Protein backbone atom coordinates (compact mmCIF):
# COMPACT_ATOMS: atom_id res chain seq x y z
CA MET A 1 55.36 98.34 119.05
CA PRO A 2 57.24 98.56 115.71
CA ASP A 3 55.21 97.19 112.81
CA GLN A 4 57.76 94.52 111.98
CA ARG A 5 57.66 93.03 115.49
CA GLY A 6 54.31 91.26 115.16
CA TYR A 7 52.35 93.12 117.84
CA SER A 8 51.64 96.47 116.22
CA ALA A 9 47.88 95.82 116.30
CA GLY A 10 47.82 95.76 120.10
CA PHE A 11 45.54 93.84 122.46
CA ALA A 12 42.17 95.21 121.32
CA ARG A 13 42.63 94.87 117.55
CA THR A 14 44.36 91.49 117.79
CA PHE A 15 41.34 89.92 119.48
CA GLY A 16 38.60 92.12 118.05
CA LEU A 17 37.68 93.88 121.30
CA VAL A 18 35.51 96.99 121.00
CA ASN A 19 36.68 100.05 122.96
CA PRO A 20 38.15 98.33 126.02
CA GLU A 21 38.74 100.60 129.01
CA PHE A 22 41.82 100.29 131.20
CA ALA A 23 41.43 101.67 134.73
CA LEU A 24 44.71 102.30 136.57
CA ARG A 25 44.70 101.69 140.32
CA PRO A 26 48.14 102.59 141.71
CA ILE A 27 49.57 100.86 144.77
CA PRO A 28 50.80 103.35 147.44
CA SER A 29 54.52 103.98 147.33
CA LEU A 30 56.27 100.93 148.72
CA ALA A 31 59.36 102.97 149.52
CA HIS A 32 57.51 105.29 151.90
CA SER A 33 55.29 102.80 153.72
CA SER A 34 55.91 100.73 156.83
CA HIS A 35 53.48 98.05 155.60
CA ALA A 36 54.52 94.90 153.77
CA PRO A 37 53.95 94.85 149.98
CA HIS A 38 51.18 92.22 150.13
CA THR A 39 49.30 94.34 152.67
CA LEU A 40 49.37 97.38 150.38
CA TYR A 41 48.16 95.30 147.41
CA ARG A 42 45.35 93.77 149.48
CA ARG A 43 44.17 97.14 150.79
CA THR A 44 44.18 98.70 147.33
CA ILE A 45 42.22 95.83 145.78
CA GLU A 46 39.75 95.75 148.68
CA GLN A 47 39.09 99.47 148.18
CA VAL A 48 38.46 98.90 144.47
CA LEU A 49 36.12 95.96 145.08
CA THR A 50 34.05 97.88 147.63
CA THR A 51 33.24 100.58 145.04
CA GLY A 52 31.11 98.11 143.07
CA GLU A 53 32.93 98.78 139.79
CA GLN A 54 32.76 95.91 137.29
CA PHE A 55 35.94 94.56 135.71
CA ASP A 56 36.52 91.73 133.22
CA ALA A 57 40.15 91.12 134.21
CA ALA A 58 43.04 92.57 136.19
CA LEU A 59 46.73 93.06 135.41
CA VAL A 60 48.81 92.92 138.58
CA VAL A 61 52.22 94.59 138.16
CA LEU A 62 54.96 93.54 140.60
CA LEU A 63 58.42 94.79 141.40
CA ASP A 64 60.99 92.13 140.61
CA GLU A 65 62.08 91.73 144.22
CA HIS A 66 58.49 90.96 145.29
CA ALA A 67 57.61 88.40 142.61
CA ASP A 68 59.35 85.46 144.31
CA LEU A 69 58.49 86.22 147.94
CA PRO A 70 57.15 83.28 150.03
CA ASP A 71 53.46 82.51 149.61
CA GLN A 72 52.39 84.15 152.87
CA ALA A 73 54.04 87.44 151.81
CA ASN A 74 53.65 87.27 148.03
CA PRO A 75 51.59 90.25 146.79
CA TYR A 76 50.49 88.45 143.61
CA LEU A 77 49.01 85.45 145.46
CA HIS A 78 47.16 87.78 147.83
CA ALA A 79 45.94 89.85 144.89
CA LYS A 80 44.92 86.79 142.87
CA ALA A 81 42.92 85.30 145.77
CA LEU A 82 41.05 88.56 146.43
CA LEU A 83 40.30 89.16 142.75
CA LEU A 84 39.02 85.62 142.21
CA MET A 85 36.72 86.05 145.21
CA GLY A 86 35.34 89.04 143.32
CA GLY A 87 35.00 86.99 140.13
CA ILE A 88 37.88 88.78 138.38
CA PRO A 89 40.64 86.72 136.67
CA SER A 90 44.13 88.18 136.89
CA GLN A 91 47.45 88.14 135.06
CA GLU A 92 50.82 88.90 136.63
CA LEU A 93 53.36 91.26 135.04
CA ARG A 94 56.83 91.98 136.36
CA LEU A 95 58.26 95.46 136.00
CA ALA A 96 61.39 94.06 134.37
CA THR A 97 59.17 92.48 131.72
CA LEU A 98 57.55 95.80 130.85
CA ARG A 99 60.96 97.47 130.59
CA GLN A 100 62.25 95.13 127.89
CA PRO A 101 63.38 96.65 124.58
CA PRO A 102 60.53 96.73 122.03
CA ALA A 103 62.09 93.92 120.00
CA ALA A 104 61.68 91.49 122.91
CA LEU A 105 58.63 93.09 124.53
CA ALA A 106 56.44 92.54 121.46
CA TYR A 107 56.72 88.76 121.70
CA THR A 108 56.26 88.81 125.49
CA LEU A 109 53.08 90.86 125.13
CA GLN A 110 51.75 88.34 122.63
CA ASN A 111 52.03 85.58 125.25
CA ILE A 112 50.54 87.75 127.98
CA THR A 113 47.54 88.82 125.92
CA VAL A 114 46.78 85.26 124.82
CA ALA A 115 46.65 84.21 128.49
CA LEU A 116 44.56 87.24 129.45
CA TYR A 117 42.13 86.78 126.56
CA ALA A 118 41.60 83.14 127.55
CA LYS A 119 40.91 84.13 131.16
CA MET A 120 38.33 86.66 129.92
CA GLY A 121 36.40 83.84 128.25
CA GLY A 122 37.87 83.96 124.76
CA ILE A 123 39.27 81.00 122.79
CA PRO A 124 42.62 82.24 121.45
CA TRP A 125 43.66 78.90 119.94
CA THR A 126 42.42 75.36 119.56
CA VAL A 127 43.78 71.90 118.84
CA ASP A 128 42.33 68.78 117.27
CA HIS A 129 40.13 66.97 119.76
CA ASP A 130 40.51 63.25 120.37
CA LEU A 131 37.22 61.86 119.08
CA ALA A 132 37.45 58.97 121.54
CA ILE A 133 37.29 61.46 124.42
CA THR A 134 33.98 63.20 125.18
CA ASP A 135 35.57 65.91 127.30
CA GLU A 136 39.09 66.80 128.41
CA LEU A 137 39.93 69.15 131.28
CA VAL A 138 43.13 70.65 132.63
CA ILE A 139 42.72 71.65 136.29
CA GLY A 140 45.29 73.74 138.15
CA LEU A 141 45.39 73.71 141.97
CA GLY A 142 47.14 76.27 144.14
CA THR A 143 47.04 77.90 147.56
CA ALA A 144 47.42 81.38 149.00
CA GLU A 145 48.42 81.92 152.63
CA LEU A 146 46.77 84.97 154.19
CA GLY A 147 48.29 86.34 157.37
CA ALA A 148 51.24 88.05 158.96
CA SER A 149 53.44 84.95 158.94
CA ARG A 150 53.20 81.19 158.68
CA TYR A 151 53.49 80.97 162.49
CA HIS A 152 50.73 83.48 163.17
CA GLN A 153 47.74 82.07 165.05
CA ARG A 154 45.27 83.72 162.68
CA GLN A 155 46.93 82.37 159.55
CA ARG A 156 44.27 81.61 156.92
CA TYR A 157 44.44 79.66 153.68
CA VAL A 158 42.59 79.85 150.37
CA GLY A 159 42.51 77.12 147.72
CA ILE A 160 42.65 78.38 144.14
CA THR A 161 41.30 76.29 141.27
CA THR A 162 41.45 77.09 137.54
CA VAL A 163 39.92 74.93 134.82
CA PHE A 164 40.69 74.84 131.08
CA ARG A 165 39.29 72.58 128.43
CA GLY A 166 41.77 70.48 126.53
CA ASP A 167 41.44 72.81 123.52
CA GLY A 168 42.59 75.80 125.54
CA ASN A 169 39.19 77.28 126.40
CA TYR A 170 39.29 78.85 129.87
CA LEU A 171 36.24 77.60 131.73
CA LEU A 172 36.33 79.07 135.22
CA GLY A 173 38.39 80.12 138.19
CA THR A 174 37.30 79.82 141.79
CA THR A 175 38.58 79.91 145.36
CA SER A 176 37.68 78.00 148.47
CA GLU A 177 36.58 79.71 151.66
CA GLU A 178 39.27 81.07 153.96
CA CYS A 179 40.09 78.48 156.58
CA GLY A 180 42.74 77.29 159.02
CA TRP A 181 45.33 74.76 157.87
CA ASP A 182 43.68 71.85 159.67
CA ASP A 183 40.42 72.56 157.85
CA TYR A 184 42.06 73.21 154.48
CA PRO A 185 41.68 69.67 153.02
CA VAL A 186 37.93 69.69 153.77
CA ALA A 187 37.46 73.18 152.29
CA LEU A 188 39.45 72.24 149.21
CA ARG A 189 37.44 69.05 148.73
CA GLU A 190 34.15 70.96 148.90
CA SER A 191 35.46 73.55 146.44
CA LEU A 192 36.66 70.89 143.97
CA LEU A 193 33.35 69.02 144.15
CA ALA A 194 31.53 72.25 143.33
CA VAL A 195 33.88 73.01 140.42
CA LEU A 196 33.64 69.53 138.90
CA GLY A 197 29.87 69.47 139.38
CA GLU A 198 29.52 72.80 137.57
CA VAL A 199 31.74 71.66 134.68
CA LYS A 200 29.86 68.36 134.42
CA GLU A 201 26.52 70.16 134.15
CA ARG A 202 27.83 72.88 131.86
CA ASN A 203 29.44 70.43 129.42
CA GLY A 204 26.59 67.94 129.57
CA TRP A 205 28.39 64.76 130.62
CA ARG A 206 26.25 61.70 129.95
CA THR A 207 26.39 58.20 131.38
CA GLY A 208 29.11 56.21 129.66
CA ASP A 209 31.03 59.26 128.38
CA THR A 210 34.82 59.12 128.56
CA VAL A 211 36.27 62.16 130.30
CA ARG A 212 39.97 62.89 130.68
CA ILE A 213 41.07 65.08 133.62
CA VAL A 214 44.65 66.25 134.09
CA CYS A 215 45.53 68.08 137.32
CA HIS A 216 48.69 69.94 138.23
CA THR A 217 50.09 72.15 140.98
CA ALA A 218 52.66 74.89 140.62
CA ARG A 219 54.43 73.65 143.73
CA PRO A 220 53.83 70.87 146.28
CA VAL A 221 51.56 71.67 149.22
CA ARG A 222 52.82 70.66 152.65
CA ASN A 223 51.18 67.67 154.32
CA VAL A 224 48.14 67.66 152.02
CA HIS A 225 47.63 64.78 149.58
CA LEU A 226 46.14 66.82 146.73
CA ASP A 227 46.23 63.87 144.36
CA GLN A 228 44.16 61.75 146.75
CA ILE A 229 41.63 64.53 147.37
CA MET A 230 41.33 65.20 143.65
CA ALA A 231 40.93 61.50 142.82
CA GLU A 232 38.13 61.14 145.41
CA CYS A 233 36.30 64.18 143.99
CA VAL A 234 36.63 62.89 140.43
CA ALA A 235 35.27 59.49 141.45
CA GLU A 236 32.31 61.05 143.28
CA VAL A 237 31.29 63.56 140.59
CA GLY A 238 32.03 61.34 137.59
CA SER A 239 30.46 58.14 138.93
CA GLY A 240 28.49 57.67 135.69
CA GLN A 241 31.41 58.40 133.37
CA ASN A 242 34.63 56.63 132.41
CA ILE A 243 37.23 58.93 133.95
CA GLU A 244 40.84 58.98 132.79
CA PHE A 245 42.68 60.81 135.56
CA ALA A 246 46.29 61.95 135.83
CA PHE A 247 48.18 64.01 138.40
CA PRO A 248 51.62 64.76 136.91
CA HIS A 249 54.47 65.89 139.13
CA ARG A 250 57.28 68.14 138.01
CA LEU A 251 60.59 66.61 139.00
CA ARG A 252 63.55 68.76 139.95
CA ARG A 253 66.85 67.87 138.35
CA PRO A 254 69.63 67.50 140.97
CA PRO A 255 72.40 70.08 140.71
CA LEU A 256 75.28 69.06 138.50
CA ARG A 257 78.57 68.42 140.23
CA PRO A 258 81.87 69.05 138.51
CA SER A 259 83.39 65.75 137.51
CA ARG A 260 86.92 64.82 138.36
CA PRO A 261 89.15 63.87 135.50
CA GLY A 262 89.69 60.12 135.41
CA PRO A 263 92.53 58.11 134.03
CA ALA A 264 93.07 58.38 130.30
CA ARG A 265 91.72 55.52 128.21
CA THR A 266 93.04 54.25 124.91
CA GLY A 267 91.60 52.06 122.24
């Protein structure tokens, strides 16, 4: 990157990493394979995980046309679920992003490396902490659908949970066990209880502490009341604490319709 663009130091020097190693694991040519993209990503990652190599994080590069595929065929969601099962946090990169001119790419890489550094356990930034709050968590909930199609009898689901502290410190990422859709709420509840229990013990919650928990989902999950499941888990794990709990929803703005000109007004 050009020196004047703010990212000339690169990932390692910016965050003080000592001799990081980047291991490239190419996906077989998508143009010459009869398999779906998510299948090729899964097979490649499974082969890497079976070697026993240790990785701190993974960058998953996607073609633009694959980035917005449905969940059951999205290569990033399949990759993210597999990597989290192996204890490896991941960051998505689109090919169009990497092909930006240096003037724009430098600022994009800054955002990407901040996210990646946080997922590797670093604290890239912090904010003033509300002294009235003992602990503050931001919990993200998501799902990955594993199978040939949503109508396939062997369709399996994985719940994905990521937890940050309110100051931006990445705490952990975990996945539930693979399960059928009917069993998904139970598997998700067990996974959330385990996550909250671990955070409670790690952060040393005491009786009477005030803890703020904010949950969000990237997109709504069909026929599963995530807010109710999350509220029940919070109440069970934090029975000795004063829990402030919120489950914000992102509202979609309706499309704008062209207005018809009305009669002229005077005065």
